[in-house]
Protein backbone atom coordinates (compact mmCIF):
# COMPACT_ATOMS: atom_id res chain seq x y z
CA UNK A 1 -110.15 78.07 61.98
CA UNK A 2 -111.58 80.41 64.57
CA UNK A 3 -114.70 80.13 66.75
CA UNK A 4 -117.34 82.78 67.01
CA UNK A 5 -120.19 82.33 69.41
CA UNK A 6 -119.43 78.61 69.62
CA UNK A 7 -119.55 78.02 65.83
CA UNK A 8 -116.53 77.19 63.78
CA UNK A 9 -115.79 79.87 61.13
CA UNK A 10 -113.80 78.94 58.07
CA UNK A 11 -111.26 81.52 56.88
CA UNK A 12 -110.92 81.26 53.11
CA UNK A 13 -109.93 84.44 51.30
CA UNK A 14 -107.01 85.76 53.38
CA UNK A 15 -105.39 88.43 51.20
CA UNK A 16 -106.15 90.31 47.97
CA UNK A 17 -103.48 92.45 46.29
CA UNK A 18 -103.95 94.82 43.37
CA UNK A 19 -101.47 96.83 41.36
CA UNK A 20 -102.37 99.25 38.51
CA UNK A 21 -105.90 97.88 38.37
CA UNK A 22 -108.52 100.29 36.95
CA UNK A 23 -108.07 103.31 39.24
CA UNK A 24 -106.08 101.51 42.00
CA UNK A 25 -102.38 102.17 42.03
CA UNK A 26 -101.45 99.67 44.72
CA UNK A 27 -103.61 98.03 47.35
CA UNK A 28 -103.41 95.01 49.67
CA UNK A 29 -106.30 93.93 51.81
CA UNK A 30 -106.27 91.27 54.53
CA UNK A 31 -109.68 89.75 55.20
CA UNK A 32 -110.85 87.91 58.29
CA UNK A 33 -113.47 85.34 59.06
CA UNK A 34 -117.12 86.23 59.48
CA UNK A 35 -119.11 88.92 57.70
CA UNK A 36 -117.19 91.80 56.00
CA UNK A 37 -118.84 94.74 54.31
CA UNK A 38 -117.51 97.17 51.69
CA UNK A 39 -119.20 100.53 51.26
CA UNK A 40 -118.53 103.86 49.60
CA UNK A 41 -120.07 106.58 47.53
CA UNK A 42 -121.45 105.85 44.09
CA UNK A 43 -118.60 105.72 41.56
CA UNK A 44 -115.94 105.26 44.26
CA UNK A 45 -115.06 101.78 42.96
CA UNK A 46 -116.75 99.44 45.48
CA UNK A 47 -116.98 96.65 42.95
CA UNK A 48 -113.36 96.99 41.85
CA UNK A 49 -112.25 94.52 44.49
CA UNK A 50 -114.83 91.93 43.21
CA UNK A 51 -113.69 92.57 39.66
CA UNK A 52 -110.04 92.08 40.69
CA UNK A 53 -110.90 88.85 42.51
CA UNK A 54 -112.79 87.55 39.51
CA UNK A 55 -109.76 88.25 37.29
CA UNK A 56 -107.58 86.23 39.70
CA UNK A 57 -110.18 83.45 39.53
CA UNK A 58 -109.99 83.21 35.71
CA UNK A 59 -112.57 85.63 34.36
CA UNK A 60 -112.02 87.26 30.96
CA UNK A 61 -109.27 89.89 30.99
CA UNK A 62 -109.56 93.20 29.09
CA UNK A 63 -107.06 96.00 28.67
CA UNK A 64 -109.75 98.36 30.06
CA UNK A 65 -108.84 96.89 33.47
CA UNK A 66 -105.33 98.49 33.37
CA UNK A 67 -104.86 101.78 35.19
CA UNK A 68 -104.39 104.44 32.60
CA UNK A 69 -100.78 104.93 31.62
CA UNK A 70 -99.60 101.63 33.13
CA UNK A 71 -97.92 98.79 31.27
CA UNK A 72 -99.33 95.93 33.32
CA UNK A 73 -101.96 95.14 35.90
CA UNK A 74 -101.37 92.50 38.59
CA UNK A 75 -103.80 90.78 40.89
CA UNK A 76 -103.15 88.07 43.50
CA UNK A 77 -105.51 86.32 45.87
CA UNK A 78 -104.35 84.14 48.77
CA UNK A 79 -106.63 81.48 50.32
CA UNK A 80 -106.27 79.52 53.53
CA UNK A 81 -108.09 76.51 55.01
CA UNK A 82 -108.47 74.92 51.56
CA UNK A 83 -111.36 72.60 50.83
CA UNK A 84 -110.37 68.90 51.01
CA UNK A 85 -111.61 68.38 47.44
CA UNK A 86 -109.10 70.99 46.11
CA UNK A 87 -105.93 69.16 47.27
CA UNK A 88 -106.21 66.16 44.83
CA UNK A 89 -106.83 68.60 41.99
CA UNK A 90 -103.69 70.62 42.92
CA UNK A 91 -101.57 67.41 43.04
CA UNK A 92 -102.91 66.04 39.77
CA UNK A 93 -102.20 69.37 38.07
CA UNK A 94 -98.61 69.40 39.36
CA UNK A 95 -99.06 72.36 41.79
CA UNK A 96 -97.84 72.55 45.36
CA UNK A 97 -100.74 71.38 47.63
CA UNK A 98 -99.82 73.01 50.95
CA UNK A 99 -102.11 74.64 53.51
CA UNK A 100 -102.58 77.80 51.46
CA UNK A 101 -103.17 78.66 47.86
CA UNK A 102 -101.86 81.74 46.03
CA UNK A 103 -103.49 82.67 42.64
CA UNK A 104 -101.73 85.36 40.66
CA UNK A 105 -102.53 86.90 37.30
CA UNK A 106 -101.06 89.70 35.19
CA UNK A 107 -102.50 91.54 32.24
CA UNK A 108 -100.42 93.74 29.95
CA UNK A 109 -101.38 96.65 27.64
CA UNK A 110 -101.39 94.29 24.57
CA UNK A 111 -104.04 92.15 26.30
CA UNK A 112 -101.64 89.29 27.03
CA UNK A 113 -102.46 87.47 30.25
CA UNK A 114 -100.33 85.20 32.45
CA UNK A 115 -101.30 83.16 35.42
CA UNK A 116 -99.66 81.24 38.28
CA UNK A 117 -100.87 78.87 40.96
CA UNK A 118 -98.59 78.66 44.07
CA UNK A 119 -95.76 80.13 42.01
CA UNK A 120 -96.04 77.68 39.10
CA UNK A 121 -97.27 78.73 35.68
CA UNK A 122 -100.93 77.96 35.01
CA UNK A 123 -103.66 78.42 32.41
CA UNK A 124 -106.66 80.65 32.88
CA UNK A 125 -108.87 77.60 32.67
CA UNK A 126 -106.99 76.10 35.62
CA UNK A 127 -107.74 79.30 37.61
CA UNK A 128 -111.41 78.82 36.79
CA UNK A 129 -111.30 75.14 37.88
CA UNK A 130 -109.76 76.23 41.22
CA UNK A 131 -112.34 78.97 41.68
CA UNK A 132 -115.21 76.42 41.65
CA UNK A 133 -113.90 75.18 45.02
CA UNK A 134 -113.14 78.57 46.54
CA UNK A 135 -115.66 81.38 45.86
CA UNK A 136 -119.35 81.76 45.19
CA UNK A 137 -120.25 85.21 43.78
CA UNK A 138 -123.80 86.59 43.79
CA UNK A 139 -124.07 89.77 41.72
CA UNK A 140 -126.69 92.54 41.59
CA UNK A 141 -128.14 91.00 38.47
CA UNK A 142 -128.30 87.54 39.87
CA UNK A 143 -132.03 87.56 39.38
CA UNK A 144 -131.59 87.32 35.61
CA UNK A 145 -130.28 83.77 35.81
CA UNK A 146 -133.30 82.75 37.86
CA UNK A 147 -135.53 83.23 34.80
CA UNK A 148 -133.45 80.95 32.55
CA UNK A 149 -134.42 77.29 32.54
CA UNK A 150 -130.85 76.06 32.15
CA UNK A 151 -129.60 78.09 35.12
CA UNK A 152 -132.52 77.11 37.28
CA UNK A 153 -131.98 73.45 36.46
CA UNK A 154 -128.19 73.69 37.19
CA UNK A 155 -128.96 75.41 40.54
CA UNK A 156 -131.45 72.64 41.51
CA UNK A 157 -129.05 69.91 40.46
CA UNK A 158 -126.24 71.47 42.48
CA UNK A 159 -128.48 71.42 45.58
CA UNK A 160 -129.34 67.77 44.88
CA UNK A 161 -125.61 66.88 44.53
CA UNK A 162 -126.26 65.67 40.97
CA UNK A 163 -123.57 65.32 38.35
CA UNK A 164 -125.55 66.10 35.20
CA UNK A 165 -122.67 64.86 32.93
CA UNK A 166 -123.62 61.25 33.52
CA UNK A 167 -127.17 61.57 32.19
CA UNK A 168 -125.84 63.61 29.23
CA UNK A 169 -123.39 60.80 28.41
CA UNK A 170 -126.10 58.13 28.62
CA UNK A 171 -128.32 60.24 26.37
CA UNK A 172 -125.52 60.63 23.81
CA UNK A 173 -124.89 56.87 23.86
CA UNK A 174 -128.61 56.21 23.27
CA UNK A 175 -128.67 58.60 20.36
CA UNK A 176 -125.52 57.15 18.89
CA UNK A 177 -127.00 53.64 19.07
CA UNK A 178 -130.08 54.86 17.24
CA UNK A 179 -127.91 56.45 14.50
CA UNK A 180 -125.88 53.20 14.09
CA UNK A 181 -129.10 51.16 13.70
CA UNK A 182 -130.62 53.54 11.17
CA UNK A 183 -127.36 53.55 9.22
CA UNK A 184 -127.40 49.74 9.09
CA UNK A 185 -130.89 49.80 7.72
CA UNK A 186 -130.36 52.54 5.23
CA UNK A 187 -126.90 51.67 3.99
CA UNK A 188 -126.77 47.89 4.18
CA UNK A 189 -125.63 47.42 0.52
CA UNK A 190 -122.90 50.05 0.88
CA UNK A 191 -121.64 48.52 4.05
CA UNK A 192 -121.61 45.06 2.41
CA UNK A 193 -119.49 46.33 -0.53
CA UNK A 194 -117.05 47.97 1.84
CA UNK A 195 -116.85 44.78 3.88
CA UNK A 196 -115.98 42.69 0.81
CA UNK A 197 -113.26 45.14 -0.28
CA UNK A 198 -111.66 45.01 3.18
CA UNK A 199 -111.94 41.23 3.32
CA UNK A 200 -109.99 40.91 -0.02
CA UNK A 201 -107.27 43.29 1.15
CA UNK A 202 -106.96 41.43 4.47
CA UNK A 203 -106.68 38.12 2.54
CA UNK A 204 -103.80 39.50 0.57
CA UNK A 205 -102.01 40.65 3.69
CA UNK A 206 -102.75 37.43 5.46
CA UNK A 207 -101.08 35.48 2.73
CA UNK A 208 -97.91 37.44 3.45
CA UNK A 209 -98.53 37.26 7.26
CA UNK A 210 -96.12 40.17 8.03
CA UNK A 211 -94.76 39.95 11.60
CA UNK A 212 -94.66 43.16 13.69
CA UNK A 213 -90.83 43.34 13.79
CA UNK A 214 -90.12 41.01 10.84
CA UNK A 215 -89.18 43.74 8.29
CA UNK A 216 -86.28 45.09 10.41
CA UNK A 217 -85.12 41.54 11.22
CA UNK A 218 -85.16 40.41 7.56
CA UNK A 219 -83.10 43.44 6.48
CA UNK A 220 -80.59 42.97 9.26
CA UNK A 221 -80.03 39.29 8.48
CA UNK A 222 -79.87 39.89 4.75
CA UNK A 223 -77.18 42.53 5.22
CA UNK A 224 -75.15 40.17 7.35
CA UNK A 225 -75.31 37.26 4.89
CA UNK A 226 -74.65 39.47 1.85
CA UNK A 227 -71.39 40.53 3.45
CA UNK A 228 -70.35 37.10 4.82
CA UNK A 229 -66.89 36.86 3.14
CA UNK A 230 -65.95 40.40 4.18
CA UNK A 231 -66.92 39.57 7.71
CA UNK A 232 -64.90 36.33 7.68
CA UNK A 233 -61.85 38.07 6.21
CA UNK A 234 -62.13 40.86 8.83
CA UNK A 235 -62.45 38.44 11.75
CA UNK A 236 -59.54 36.27 10.55
CA UNK A 237 -57.28 39.33 10.24
CA UNK A 238 -58.25 40.47 13.68
CA UNK A 239 -57.57 37.02 15.21
CA UNK A 240 -54.11 36.96 13.63
CA UNK A 241 -53.24 40.30 15.07
CA UNK A 242 -54.65 39.31 18.45
CA UNK A 243 -53.12 35.85 19.03
CA UNK A 244 -52.15 33.95 15.89
CA UNK A 245 -49.36 35.83 14.08
CA UNK A 246 -45.81 36.44 15.31
CA UNK A 247 -45.72 39.53 17.48
CA UNK A 248 -49.43 39.37 18.23
CA UNK A 249 -50.98 41.40 21.03
CA UNK A 250 -51.17 38.40 23.32
CA UNK A 251 -47.45 37.57 22.69
CA UNK A 252 -46.39 41.18 23.38
CA UNK A 253 -48.40 41.34 26.57
CA UNK A 254 -46.84 38.04 27.74
CA UNK A 255 -43.37 39.46 27.06
CA UNK A 256 -44.09 42.66 29.05
CA UNK A 257 -45.37 40.66 32.04
CA UNK A 258 -42.31 38.37 31.83
CA UNK A 259 -40.05 41.41 32.13
CA UNK A 260 -41.84 42.95 35.17
CA UNK A 261 -42.73 39.94 37.30
CA UNK A 262 -39.09 39.01 38.31
CA UNK A 263 -38.37 42.57 39.58
CA UNK A 264 -41.78 43.15 41.26
CA UNK A 265 -40.48 42.09 44.68
CA UNK A 266 -38.04 45.00 44.67
CA UNK A 267 -40.62 47.82 44.31
CA UNK A 268 -44.31 47.57 45.27
CA UNK A 269 -45.17 50.54 43.06
CA UNK A 270 -45.05 48.15 40.06
CA UNK A 271 -47.86 45.97 41.46
CA UNK A 272 -50.77 48.10 40.11
CA UNK A 273 -49.16 48.07 36.65
CA UNK A 274 -48.80 44.31 36.70
CA UNK A 275 -52.46 43.99 37.71
CA UNK A 276 -53.61 46.11 34.78
CA UNK A 277 -51.49 44.05 32.39
CA UNK A 278 -52.84 40.80 33.79
CA UNK A 279 -56.41 42.10 33.32
CA UNK A 280 -55.58 43.07 29.76
CA UNK A 281 -54.04 39.57 29.18
CA UNK A 282 -57.36 37.95 30.35
CA UNK A 283 -59.45 40.27 28.14
CA UNK A 284 -57.28 39.54 25.06
CA UNK A 285 -57.70 35.81 25.69
CA UNK A 286 -61.50 36.23 25.91
CA UNK A 287 -61.59 38.28 22.67
CA UNK A 288 -59.50 35.61 20.86
CA UNK A 289 -61.86 32.87 22.08
CA UNK A 290 -64.87 34.76 20.82
CA UNK A 291 -63.27 35.35 17.39
CA UNK A 292 -62.55 31.64 17.13
CA UNK A 293 -66.18 30.86 17.79
CA UNK A 294 -67.30 33.48 15.29
CA UNK A 295 -65.15 31.95 12.53
CA UNK A 296 -66.37 28.43 13.23
CA UNK A 297 -69.93 29.33 12.26
CA UNK A 298 -71.01 28.85 8.64
CA UNK A 299 -71.35 32.34 7.19
CA UNK A 300 -71.81 31.38 3.59
CA UNK A 301 -75.38 29.91 3.75
CA UNK A 302 -76.42 30.51 0.14
CA UNK A 303 -79.80 28.83 0.49
CA UNK A 304 -80.75 31.03 3.45
CA UNK A 305 -79.75 34.16 1.52
CA UNK A 306 -82.04 33.05 -1.32
CA UNK A 307 -84.93 32.63 1.11
CA UNK A 308 -84.34 36.12 2.47
CA UNK A 309 -84.27 37.58 -1.08
CA UNK A 310 -87.65 35.94 -1.90
CA UNK A 311 -89.25 37.10 1.38
CA UNK A 312 -88.04 40.68 0.96
CA UNK A 313 -89.35 40.67 -2.64
CA UNK A 314 -92.81 39.55 -1.43
CA UNK A 315 -92.88 42.39 1.08
CA UNK A 316 -91.82 44.96 -1.59
CA UNK A 317 -94.31 43.66 -4.11
CA UNK A 318 -97.38 43.82 -1.83
CA UNK A 319 -96.29 47.21 -0.45
CA UNK A 320 -96.17 48.59 -4.00
CA UNK A 321 -99.66 47.28 -4.81
CA UNK A 322 -101.08 48.77 -1.63
CA UNK A 323 -99.04 51.97 -2.05
CA UNK A 324 -97.72 51.80 1.50
CA UNK A 325 -94.14 51.65 2.88
CA UNK A 326 -93.25 48.00 3.64
CA UNK A 327 -92.66 48.71 7.34
CA UNK A 328 -96.31 49.82 7.67
CA UNK A 329 -97.83 46.52 6.51
CA UNK A 330 -98.25 44.86 9.99
CA UNK A 331 -99.98 47.97 11.43
CA UNK A 332 -102.13 48.20 8.22
CA UNK A 333 -103.27 44.58 8.64
CA UNK A 334 -104.33 45.25 12.30
CA UNK A 335 -106.17 48.46 11.26
CA UNK A 336 -108.11 46.76 8.46
CA UNK A 337 -109.05 43.82 10.71
CA UNK A 338 -110.48 46.33 13.24
CA UNK A 339 -112.37 48.14 10.52
CA UNK A 340 -113.75 44.83 9.21
CA UNK A 341 -114.93 43.92 12.71
CA UNK A 342 -116.63 47.36 12.97
CA UNK A 343 -118.38 46.78 9.66
CA UNK A 344 -119.47 43.28 10.67
CA UNK A 345 -121.06 44.86 13.75
CA UNK A 346 -122.52 47.72 11.69
CA UNK A 347 -124.53 45.24 9.52
CA UNK A 348 -125.75 43.15 12.48
CA UNK A 349 -129.19 44.67 12.81
CA UNK A 350 -130.25 42.35 15.69
CA UNK A 351 -127.22 43.25 17.76
CA UNK A 352 -127.75 46.96 16.99
CA UNK A 353 -131.42 46.73 18.06
CA UNK A 354 -130.34 45.10 21.30
CA UNK A 355 -127.68 47.79 21.92
CA UNK A 356 -130.32 50.50 21.28
CA UNK A 357 -132.72 48.91 23.72
CA UNK A 358 -130.08 48.66 26.41
CA UNK A 359 -128.90 52.22 25.89
CA UNK A 360 -132.45 53.44 26.19
CA UNK A 361 -133.11 51.37 29.32
CA UNK A 362 -129.83 52.67 30.95
CA UNK A 363 -130.84 56.24 30.15
CA UNK A 364 -134.38 55.94 31.47
CA UNK A 365 -133.26 54.16 34.65
CA UNK A 366 -130.84 56.97 35.52
CA UNK A 367 -133.27 59.68 34.31
CA UNK A 368 -135.98 58.37 36.66
CA UNK A 369 -133.60 58.38 39.53
CA UNK A 370 -132.55 61.92 38.61
CA UNK A 371 -136.20 62.96 38.46
CA UNK A 372 -136.82 61.53 41.97
CA UNK A 373 -133.87 63.44 43.33
CA UNK A 374 -135.02 66.66 41.68
CA UNK A 375 -138.54 66.24 43.06
CA UNK A 376 -137.28 65.78 46.65
CA UNK A 377 -134.78 68.65 46.34
CA UNK A 378 -137.40 70.97 44.71
CA UNK A 379 -139.75 70.57 47.68
CA UNK A 380 -137.01 71.29 50.20
CA UNK A 381 -135.72 74.28 48.24
CA UNK A 382 -139.22 75.71 47.69
CA UNK A 383 -140.02 75.52 51.43
CA UNK A 384 -136.68 77.14 52.38
CA UNK A 385 -136.91 80.06 49.92
CA UNK A 386 -140.58 80.63 50.85
CA UNK A 387 -139.53 80.82 54.48
CA UNK A 388 -136.74 83.32 53.62
CA UNK A 389 -139.18 85.45 51.62
CA UNK A 390 -141.40 86.12 54.61
CA UNK A 391 -138.79 88.35 56.20
CA UNK A 392 -137.90 90.14 52.94
CA UNK A 393 -141.08 92.12 52.42
CA UNK A 394 -142.91 89.30 50.64
CA UNK A 395 -145.08 88.02 53.51
CA UNK A 396 -147.62 85.47 52.39
CA UNK A 397 -145.72 84.88 49.14
CA UNK A 398 -144.74 81.46 47.98
CA UNK A 399 -141.84 80.13 45.93
CA UNK A 400 -142.19 77.03 43.87
CA UNK A 401 -139.80 74.89 41.85
CA UNK A 402 -141.78 73.51 38.86
CA UNK A 403 -140.51 70.39 37.05
CA UNK A 404 -141.82 70.60 33.49
CA UNK A 405 -142.03 67.24 31.63
CA UNK A 406 -140.40 67.33 28.21
CA UNK A 407 -142.14 65.90 25.16
CA UNK A 408 -138.93 63.99 24.28
CA UNK A 409 -136.10 62.79 26.63
CA UNK A 410 -133.34 65.34 26.73
CA UNK A 411 -129.60 65.30 27.51
CA UNK A 412 -130.47 66.85 30.91
CA UNK A 413 -133.22 64.37 31.78
CA UNK A 414 -136.97 63.99 31.48
CA UNK A 415 -137.96 67.45 32.79
CA UNK A 416 -136.79 71.05 32.75
CA UNK A 417 -136.91 73.38 35.77
CA UNK A 418 -138.71 76.65 36.15
CA UNK A 419 -138.75 78.87 39.19
CA UNK A 420 -142.24 80.23 40.03
CA UNK A 421 -143.58 82.65 42.56
CA UNK A 422 -146.90 83.71 44.05
CA UNK A 423 -146.58 87.34 45.27
CA UNK A 424 -149.30 87.01 48.01
CA UNK A 425 -151.30 84.39 49.86
CA UNK A 426 -153.82 82.51 47.73
CA UNK A 427 -152.17 83.36 44.37
CA UNK A 428 -151.18 80.69 41.86
CA UNK A 429 -147.34 80.55 41.37
CA UNK A 430 -146.29 81.63 37.91
CA UNK A 431 -142.91 82.05 36.15
CA UNK A 432 -140.74 84.64 37.80
CA UNK A 433 -140.26 86.88 34.74
CA UNK A 434 -144.04 87.10 34.27
CA UNK A 435 -145.18 88.12 37.77
CA UNK A 436 -142.31 89.53 39.79
CA UNK A 437 -141.17 93.15 39.74
CA UNK A 438 -137.55 94.19 39.70
CA UNK A 439 -137.44 94.76 43.44
CA UNK A 440 -139.14 91.41 44.08
CA UNK A 441 -136.71 89.63 41.78
CA UNK A 442 -133.77 91.17 43.65
CA UNK A 443 -135.26 90.02 46.99
CA UNK A 444 -135.95 86.49 45.60
CA UNK A 445 -132.33 86.32 44.26
CA UNK A 446 -131.16 87.20 47.79
CA UNK A 447 -133.43 84.59 49.39
CA UNK A 448 -132.24 81.91 46.95
CA UNK A 449 -128.57 82.93 47.35
CA UNK A 450 -128.77 82.72 51.13
CA UNK A 451 -130.68 79.49 51.01
CA UNK A 452 -128.51 77.67 48.46
CA UNK A 453 -125.29 78.95 50.05
CA UNK A 454 -126.22 77.29 53.31
CA UNK A 455 -127.50 74.15 51.57
CA UNK A 456 -124.69 73.56 49.09
CA UNK A 457 -122.72 70.34 49.73
CA UNK A 458 -119.43 72.19 50.55
CA UNK A 459 -121.10 74.18 53.31
CA UNK A 460 -122.41 71.10 54.95
CA UNK A 461 -119.09 69.35 55.28
CA UNK A 462 -117.91 68.61 58.75
CA UNK A 463 -116.18 71.54 60.35
CA UNK A 464 -112.96 69.66 60.81
CA UNK A 465 -112.68 68.93 57.05
CA UNK A 466 -110.74 72.01 55.96
CA UNK A 467 -112.59 74.70 54.19
CA UNK A 468 -115.75 75.84 52.46
CA UNK A 469 -116.36 78.51 49.87
CA UNK A 470 -116.20 82.26 50.44
CA UNK A 471 -119.48 83.91 49.66
CA UNK A 472 -119.49 87.25 47.96
CA UNK A 473 -122.63 89.42 47.53
CA UNK A 474 -121.97 92.27 45.06
CA UNK A 475 -124.81 94.79 45.64
CA UNK A 476 -127.40 92.03 45.62
CA UNK A 477 -129.49 94.16 47.99
CA UNK A 478 -130.07 96.72 45.23
CA UNK A 479 -133.77 97.71 45.20
CA UNK A 480 -134.17 96.80 48.93
CA UNK A 481 -134.63 99.14 51.76
CA UNK A 482 -136.53 99.87 54.96
CA UNK A 483 -137.15 97.09 57.45
CA UNK A 484 -136.29 94.49 54.72
CA UNK A 485 -132.72 95.88 54.85
CA UNK A 486 -132.55 95.05 58.57
CA UNK A 487 -133.52 91.45 57.82
CA UNK A 488 -130.95 91.26 54.99
CA UNK A 489 -128.18 92.49 57.27
CA UNK A 490 -129.13 90.00 59.99
CA UNK A 491 -129.30 87.16 57.48
CA UNK A 492 -125.83 87.90 56.19
CA UNK A 493 -124.39 88.29 59.67
CA UNK A 494 -125.85 84.96 60.72
CA UNK A 495 -124.51 83.35 57.51
CA UNK A 496 -121.09 84.65 58.48
CA UNK A 497 -121.10 82.46 61.52
CA UNK A 498 -120.45 79.35 59.38
CA UNK A 499 -118.80 80.84 56.24
CA UNK A 500 -116.68 83.83 55.20
CA UNK A 501 -119.05 86.42 53.73
CA UNK A 502 -118.09 89.59 51.81
CA UNK A 503 -120.79 92.04 50.82
CA UNK A 504 -120.60 95.13 48.66
CA UNK A 505 -123.61 97.17 49.83
CA UNK A 506 -125.37 100.48 49.69
CA UNK A 507 -127.57 99.79 52.70
CA UNK A 508 -126.67 101.22 56.07
CA UNK A 509 -128.60 98.41 57.78
CA UNK A 510 -126.48 95.80 56.11
CA UNK A 511 -123.20 97.68 56.71
CA UNK A 512 -124.00 98.04 60.45
CA UNK A 513 -124.19 94.20 60.75
CA UNK A 514 -120.70 93.63 59.40
CA UNK A 515 -117.97 92.13 61.62
CA UNK A 516 -115.50 94.14 59.62
CA UNK A 517 -116.22 97.32 57.67
CA UNK A 518 -114.20 98.65 54.74
CA UNK A 519 -114.78 101.93 53.02
CA UNK A 520 -113.79 102.61 49.40
CA UNK A 521 -112.91 106.28 48.68
CA UNK A 522 -112.01 107.95 45.41
CA UNK A 523 -109.66 110.95 45.30
CA UNK A 524 -107.81 112.97 42.74
CA UNK A 525 -104.01 112.55 42.72
CA UNK A 526 -102.01 114.52 40.16
CA UNK A 527 -105.15 115.07 38.11
CA UNK A 528 -106.01 111.36 38.04
CA UNK A 529 -108.71 109.44 39.82
CA UNK A 530 -107.37 107.14 42.55
CA UNK A 531 -109.30 104.61 44.62
CA UNK A 532 -108.27 103.52 48.07
CA UNK A 533 -109.63 101.23 50.77
CA UNK A 534 -109.62 101.74 54.53
CA UNK A 535 -110.96 99.68 57.41
CA UNK A 536 -113.07 101.80 59.73
CA UNK A 537 -113.96 101.40 63.38
CA UNK A 538 -115.40 103.62 66.09
CA UNK A 539 -116.27 107.15 65.19
CA UNK A 540 -115.10 106.68 61.51
CA UNK A 541 -117.55 103.78 61.10
CA UNK A 542 -120.37 105.72 62.69
CA UNK A 543 -119.68 108.60 60.26
CA UNK A 544 -119.77 106.23 57.27
CA UNK A 545 -123.06 104.62 58.39
CA UNK A 546 -124.49 108.14 58.97
CA UNK A 547 -123.38 109.17 55.40
CA UNK A 548 -125.21 106.14 53.96
CA UNK A 549 -128.39 107.12 55.95
CA UNK A 550 -128.30 110.70 54.70
CA UNK A 551 -130.44 113.35 56.42
CA UNK A 552 -129.35 115.76 59.13
CA UNK A 553 -125.92 115.16 60.53
CA UNK A 554 -126.93 114.92 64.22
CA UNK A 555 -129.92 112.67 63.58
CA UNK A 556 -127.91 110.60 61.16
CA UNK A 557 -125.15 110.01 63.68
CA UNK A 558 -127.62 109.03 66.38
CA UNK A 559 -129.38 106.67 63.95
CA UNK A 560 -126.06 105.13 62.89
CA UNK A 561 -125.06 104.56 66.49
CA UNK A 562 -128.43 102.91 67.12
CA UNK A 563 -128.00 100.62 64.07
CA UNK A 564 -124.52 99.54 65.21
CA UNK A 565 -125.68 98.88 68.75
CA UNK A 566 -128.67 96.88 67.50
CA UNK A 567 -126.47 94.86 65.12
CA UNK A 568 -124.18 93.92 68.02
CA UNK A 569 -126.97 91.78 69.55
CA UNK A 570 -129.33 91.13 66.62
CA UNK A 571 -132.57 89.20 66.75
CA UNK A 572 -131.72 85.99 64.93
CA UNK A 573 -133.84 85.75 61.72
CA UNK A 574 -135.17 82.31 60.83
CA UNK A 575 -132.72 81.05 58.33
CA UNK A 576 -133.73 77.98 56.27
CA UNK A 577 -132.63 74.74 57.77
CA UNK A 578 -129.60 73.06 56.16
CA UNK A 579 -130.41 70.29 53.64
CA UNK A 580 -128.58 67.05 54.12
CA UNK A 581 -126.42 66.20 51.15
CA UNK A 582 -127.62 63.27 49.09
CA UNK A 583 -125.40 60.39 48.21
């Protein structure tokens, strides 16, 4: 992690590699901390890098992304200084959780996609999960999401540090409790008939009282007793051959040992052989003892065999009536008892009414807390965006976050969210889509992007806790120019002091503020379009800024030099203060 002007700068996206992607044959870019800009003529492919990065982060793949004539496109993105929250996710998913992260993805001509995380195979959904911790992309049409209530609500909740899944789960539990109560009231007779049927079936099974492992044990014992005489005959024959008959194994072993032991003192090489024979002698004696004990037991217990026949017959008879395999009867009894308990609960109207009341109380308690968090965060966000608007050609304008009460409680809470704006002093804020022009919407999107990027919880983590997201602005300055462009460039440069920022831009004022400047150029190679990327400095950078400015060559060069000199020591724009994360 480097320092720039006393502030810690997080390096996140370190390297991006492309092969056979759109009109790029092969390209590898190494990014640095701070504010990087990408420029180039219209149609040169400035947004190709953003598209490639999005593919590596799990966006939808399409064969149109392959370079014409190629069999496979490949993209990889390497990140360093990973966010602390990402490491547990990597470990839980079985990926290597080192100091860096390599995401790789391929796409072939048949549309088949493959993905890897740190060299291990991964799913596209896992790439998307990782992306949530790594990159925040603001596109040139970002203003469109500002006009949708769901997106506005999600943005506000993110700033408040709210997990909306909890309120959704409480709402679902409340609704389920209501459905259960209504079912008990509407279908009471049906539930009672089903309960009686289950109770009778359970009574039949309880009479048998099948044990969990009893079926296997019964069959094993029955098989043993049914073959008792054969077992006795076999054991007797084995004992005779082992120790009882003439020439038995024990007798033969004793004779062999008697032949070796007198001559053992003449050659030590015989000692291991004698030891083996003595071990065999002991084992034969043990086996003979065990066979004696086996034969001493009463194997012809006719009364026990009769008991087993009756018990097995009872199992078979009930299994036939229930049309189930005998071995399944214990599990079936447990299942029916659970279903009976559920039906008992389903007809207990008083208990269901109490459950419904508790579910509603739990939902409303959390919903009111959520509403309070939203109100506080809405005020902070409105002030911060309003402040940012003043330098973006909307002086006197005001941004507001309206919380619209719902007629009925919803899965997202008691209110929806609408972004509103007043274009000039004294005007009443109204919904964005109704009062803002295209250019104003673009500037508002930029103001909100800058504000929320600084205020998001990841960006407020202590500098020593590794990492924060990389911020990417893909032509979000479209429709902006003049002095507003100067402010936009200064805002992004200042934002780059605490986060890695990449901006695809068409504004010379923004490009001049970059700490690093990359130029995308399209050429014709062998009759095919080819896109390349070069980092520019010195005269080459002046020339690119002058091209972006247009006009006469000499005046454009002078203007470009002035922009670069001014950007080296910019007047610091008033960025919105960071919001403290809520716990």
